[in-house]
Amino acid sequence: MNLVSYEFVACQASKKGVLILSEFAGATQSLGAGAILVNPSNITEVAASIAYALNMPADEREKRHQHNFMHVTTHTSQEWVATFVSELNDTIVEAQLRTRQVPPLLPMKEAVDHYLESNNRLLILMELQIYW
C-alpha cells in the first residue's frame, strides 16, 4: 500500500502544502478532491500544476488541505479495522441466514420409488451453490 501521499498530508498540518497527485495513484479515490490531479506522462500538465500549486491563493490552499487532512485523520487504521470486522460479522450473519434457506435433502429411496411408480415422468435438475 502506498501511503506517501497520506504521510505528506499528515505532515502539512501547519504549512498546508499542496498535494499534486497522479490520476493513476490508488490514493486518488480518497485524496483526489483536495489534490491537483495530473497525468504523469503529460510533462506540460505536470509543469503547469506545479506552477499553479506554487501560486495558489491561500484560501484555496487551506480548503484543499483541510479536505485531505480531515480524510487522513478520520480514516485511520483503527477505523479500517473496525469497519472490516463489522463487515465480516455482517457476512457471517448473512451466511447463517442463507444456510437456513437451504432446502432439506431429498429422501432418495422415496424419490426413486415415486419415479418408478409414475407413468408421466419429468426430471428437473438444479445446481445448488452454497458460498461459505
C-alpha atoms as a PDB file:
ATOM      1  CA  MET A   1       0.000   0.000   0.000  1.00  0.00           C
ATOM      2  CA  ASN A   2       1.416   3.382  -0.961  1.00  0.00           C
ATOM      3  CA  LEU A   3       0.950   5.790   1.932  1.00  0.00           C
ATOM      4  CA  VAL A   4       3.348   8.542   0.857  1.00  0.00           C
ATOM      5  CA  SER A   5       0.547  10.916  -0.139  1.00  0.00           C
ATOM      6  CA  TYR A   6      -1.196  10.321   3.207  1.00  0.00           C
ATOM      7  CA  GLU A   7       2.052  10.970   5.070  1.00  0.00           C
ATOM      8  CA  PHE A   8       2.568  14.189   3.122  1.00  0.00           C
ATOM      9  CA  VAL A   9      -0.895  15.450   4.069  1.00  0.00           C
ATOM     10  CA  ALA A  10      -0.419  14.474   7.724  1.00  0.00           C
ATOM     11  CA  CYS A  11       2.929  16.300   7.895  1.00  0.00           C
ATOM     12  CA  GLN A  12       1.484  19.514   6.452  1.00  0.00           C
ATOM     13  CA  ALA A  13      -0.642  20.445   9.494  1.00  0.00           C
ATOM     14  CA  SER A  14       0.858  23.940   9.751  1.00  0.00           C
ATOM     15  CA  LYS A  15       2.395  24.517   6.301  1.00  0.00           C
ATOM     16  CA  LYS A  16      -0.640  23.354   4.347  1.00  0.00           C
ATOM     17  CA  GLY A  17       1.297  22.157   1.336  1.00  0.00           C
ATOM     18  CA  VAL A  18      -0.468  21.382  -1.917  1.00  0.00           C
ATOM     19  CA  LEU A  19      -0.637  17.743  -2.965  1.00  0.00           C
ATOM     20  CA  ILE A  20      -0.048  17.052  -6.656  1.00  0.00           C
ATOM     21  CA  LEU A  21      -1.154  13.502  -7.287  1.00  0.00           C
ATOM     22  CA  SER A  22      -1.053  11.197 -10.290  1.00  0.00           C
ATOM     23  CA  GLU A  23      -4.525  10.415 -11.541  1.00  0.00           C
ATOM     24  CA  PHE A  24      -3.388   6.779 -11.649  1.00  0.00           C
ATOM     25  CA  ALA A  25      -2.430   6.595  -7.965  1.00  0.00           C
ATOM     26  CA  GLY A  26      -4.527   4.499  -5.624  1.00  0.00           C
ATOM     27  CA  ALA A  27      -4.918   7.452  -3.259  1.00  0.00           C
ATOM     28  CA  THR A  28      -6.773   9.394  -5.969  1.00  0.00           C
ATOM     29  CA  GLN A  29     -10.110   7.982  -4.812  1.00  0.00           C
ATOM     30  CA  SER A  30      -9.649   9.286  -1.288  1.00  0.00           C
ATOM     31  CA  LEU A  31      -7.405  12.347  -1.677  1.00  0.00           C
ATOM     32  CA  GLY A  32      -8.251  13.412  -5.222  1.00  0.00           C
ATOM     33  CA  ALA A  33     -10.806  16.054  -4.226  1.00  0.00           C
ATOM     34  CA  GLY A  34      -8.180  18.047  -2.326  1.00  0.00           C
ATOM     35  CA  ALA A  35      -5.248  17.355  -4.622  1.00  0.00           C
ATOM     36  CA  ILE A  36      -4.265  18.617  -8.021  1.00  0.00           C
ATOM     37  CA  LEU A  37      -4.565  15.584 -10.274  1.00  0.00           C
ATOM     38  CA  VAL A  38      -2.149  15.142 -13.151  1.00  0.00           C
ATOM     39  CA  ASN A  39      -1.292  12.636 -15.818  1.00  0.00           C
ATOM     40  CA  PRO A  40       2.396  11.999 -15.038  1.00  0.00           C
ATOM     41  CA  SER A  41       3.093  11.270 -18.704  1.00  0.00           C
ATOM     42  CA  ASN A  42       1.987  14.770 -19.677  1.00  0.00           C
ATOM     43  CA  ILE A  43       5.017  16.904 -18.783  1.00  0.00           C
ATOM     44  CA  THR A  44       3.297  20.145 -19.737  1.00  0.00           C
ATOM     45  CA  GLU A  45       0.383  19.380 -17.423  1.00  0.00           C
ATOM     46  CA  VAL A  46       2.720  18.468 -14.565  1.00  0.00           C
ATOM     47  CA  ALA A  47       4.692  21.712 -15.011  1.00  0.00           C
ATOM     48  CA  ALA A  48       1.504  23.790 -15.139  1.00  0.00           C
ATOM     49  CA  SER A  49       0.212  22.061 -11.995  1.00  0.00           C
ATOM     50  CA  ILE A  50       3.437  22.797 -10.114  1.00  0.00           C
ATOM     51  CA  ALA A  51       3.224  26.455 -11.166  1.00  0.00           C
ATOM     52  CA  TYR A  52      -0.427  26.591 -10.094  1.00  0.00           C
ATOM     53  CA  ALA A  53       0.366  24.990  -6.725  1.00  0.00           C
ATOM     54  CA  LEU A  54       3.173  27.494  -6.084  1.00  0.00           C
ATOM     55  CA  ASN A  55       0.897  30.456  -6.874  1.00  0.00           C
ATOM     56  CA  MET A  56      -2.329  29.080  -5.397  1.00  0.00           C
ATOM     57  CA  PRO A  57      -4.375  31.546  -3.318  1.00  0.00           C
ATOM     58  CA  ALA A  58      -4.104  30.903   0.424  1.00  0.00           C
ATOM     59  CA  ASP A  59      -7.834  30.277   0.871  1.00  0.00           C
ATOM     60  CA  GLU A  60      -7.898  27.586  -1.837  1.00  0.00           C
ATOM     61  CA  ARG A  61      -4.730  26.011  -0.415  1.00  0.00           C
ATOM     62  CA  GLU A  62      -6.374  25.941   3.025  1.00  0.00           C
ATOM     63  CA  LYS A  63      -9.605  24.450   1.648  1.00  0.00           C
ATOM     64  CA  ARG A  64      -7.806  21.693  -0.285  1.00  0.00           C
ATOM     65  CA  HIS A  65      -5.545  20.875   2.639  1.00  0.00           C
ATOM     66  CA  GLN A  66      -8.438  20.809   5.121  1.00  0.00           C
ATOM     67  CA  HIS A  67     -10.367  18.363   2.931  1.00  0.00           C
ATOM     68  CA  ASN A  68      -7.445  15.943   2.700  1.00  0.00           C
ATOM     69  CA  PHE A  69      -6.347  16.421   6.315  1.00  0.00           C
ATOM     70  CA  MET A  70      -9.835  15.534   7.560  1.00  0.00           C
ATOM     71  CA  HIS A  71      -9.812  12.386   5.425  1.00  0.00           C
ATOM     72  CA  VAL A  72      -6.360  11.296   6.592  1.00  0.00           C
ATOM     73  CA  THR A  73      -7.093  11.898  10.276  1.00  0.00           C
ATOM     74  CA  THR A  74     -10.500  10.202  10.276  1.00  0.00           C
ATOM     75  CA  HIS A  75      -9.708   7.208   8.046  1.00  0.00           C
ATOM     76  CA  THR A  76      -7.150   5.633  10.341  1.00  0.00           C
ATOM     77  CA  SER A  77      -6.022   2.034  10.532  1.00  0.00           C
ATOM     78  CA  GLN A  78      -8.213   1.609  13.619  1.00  0.00           C
ATOM     79  CA  GLU A  79     -11.217   2.850  11.652  1.00  0.00           C
ATOM     80  CA  TRP A  80     -10.359   0.477   8.800  1.00  0.00           C
ATOM     81  CA  VAL A  81     -10.108  -2.478  11.194  1.00  0.00           C
ATOM     82  CA  ALA A  82     -13.405  -1.583  12.882  1.00  0.00           C
ATOM     83  CA  THR A  83     -15.137  -1.377   9.506  1.00  0.00           C
ATOM     84  CA  PHE A  84     -13.547  -4.620   8.327  1.00  0.00           C
ATOM     85  CA  VAL A  85     -14.580  -6.535  11.463  1.00  0.00           C
ATOM     86  CA  SER A  86     -18.101  -5.117  11.262  1.00  0.00           C
ATOM     87  CA  GLU A  87     -18.452  -6.177   7.627  1.00  0.00           C
ATOM     88  CA  LEU A  88     -17.012  -9.591   8.459  1.00  0.00           C
ATOM     89  CA  ASN A  89     -19.627 -10.025  11.188  1.00  0.00           C
ATOM     90  CA  ASP A  90     -22.339  -8.970   8.729  1.00  0.00           C
ATOM     91  CA  THR A  91     -21.065 -11.596   6.285  1.00  0.00           C
ATOM     92  CA  ILE A  92     -21.291 -14.299   8.950  1.00  0.00           C
ATOM     93  CA  VAL A  93     -24.881 -13.326   9.756  1.00  0.00           C
ATOM     94  CA  GLU A  94     -25.788 -13.315   6.045  1.00  0.00           C
ATOM     95  CA  ALA A  95     -24.211 -16.757   5.589  1.00  0.00           C
ATOM     96  CA  GLN A  96     -26.178 -18.107   8.538  1.00  0.00           C
ATOM     97  CA  LEU A  97     -29.404 -16.746   7.060  1.00  0.00           C
ATOM     98  CA  ARG A  98     -28.604 -18.329   3.682  1.00  0.00           C
ATOM     99  CA  THR A  99     -27.939 -21.745   5.218  1.00  0.00           C
ATOM    100  CA  ARG A 100     -31.328 -21.622   6.900  1.00  0.00           C
ATOM    101  CA  GLN A 101     -32.906 -21.253   3.464  1.00  0.00           C
ATOM    102  CA  VAL A 102     -31.285 -24.402   2.057  1.00  0.00           C
ATOM    103  CA  PRO A 103     -33.992 -26.994   1.406  1.00  0.00           C
ATOM    104  CA  PRO A 104     -33.689 -30.332   3.145  1.00  0.00           C
ATOM    105  CA  LEU A 105     -32.017 -33.227   1.343  1.00  0.00           C
ATOM    106  CA  LEU A 106     -34.237 -35.253  -0.934  1.00  0.00           C
ATOM    107  CA  PRO A 107     -35.073 -38.683   0.519  1.00  0.00           C
ATOM    108  CA  MET A 108     -33.546 -40.769  -2.294  1.00  0.00           C
ATOM    109  CA  LYS A 109     -35.384 -44.044  -1.762  1.00  0.00           C
ATOM    110  CA  GLU A 110     -38.779 -42.323  -1.616  1.00  0.00           C
ATOM    111  CA  ALA A 111     -37.988 -40.255  -4.723  1.00  0.00           C
ATOM    112  CA  VAL A 112     -36.837 -43.300  -6.712  1.00  0.00           C
ATOM    113  CA  ASP A 113     -39.925 -45.278  -5.644  1.00  0.00           C
ATOM    114  CA  HIS A 114     -42.267 -42.464  -6.775  1.00  0.00           C
ATOM    115  CA  TYR A 115     -40.362 -42.154 -10.037  1.00  0.00           C
ATOM    116  CA  LEU A 116     -40.631 -45.865 -10.784  1.00  0.00           C
ATOM    117  CA  GLU A 117     -44.367 -45.937  -9.964  1.00  0.00           C
ATOM    118  CA  SER A 118     -45.304 -42.941 -12.124  1.00  0.00           C
ATOM    119  CA  ASN A 119     -46.463 -43.013 -15.751  1.00  0.00           C
ATOM    120  CA  ASN A 120     -45.541 -39.419 -16.553  1.00  0.00           C
ATOM    121  CA  ARG A 121     -42.001 -38.559 -15.654  1.00  0.00           C
ATOM    122  CA  LEU A 122     -40.303 -35.180 -15.571  1.00  0.00           C
ATOM    123  CA  LEU A 123     -36.905 -34.577 -14.067  1.00  0.00           C
ATOM    124  CA  ILE A 124     -35.825 -31.058 -13.233  1.00  0.00           C
ATOM    125  CA  LEU A 125     -32.180 -30.898 -12.231  1.00  0.00           C
ATOM    126  CA  MET A 126     -30.881 -27.818 -10.484  1.00  0.00           C
ATOM    127  CA  GLU A 127     -27.471 -26.984  -9.165  1.00  0.00           C
ATOM    128  CA  LEU A 128     -27.423 -25.591  -5.658  1.00  0.00           C
ATOM    129  CA  GLN A 129     -24.453 -23.451  -4.788  1.00  0.00           C
ATOM    130  CA  ILE A 130     -23.651 -22.564  -1.231  1.00  0.00           C
ATOM    131  CA  TYR A 131     -20.963 -19.952  -0.658  1.00  0.00           C
ATOM    132  CA  TRP A 132     -19.108 -20.022   2.624  1.00  0.00           C
END
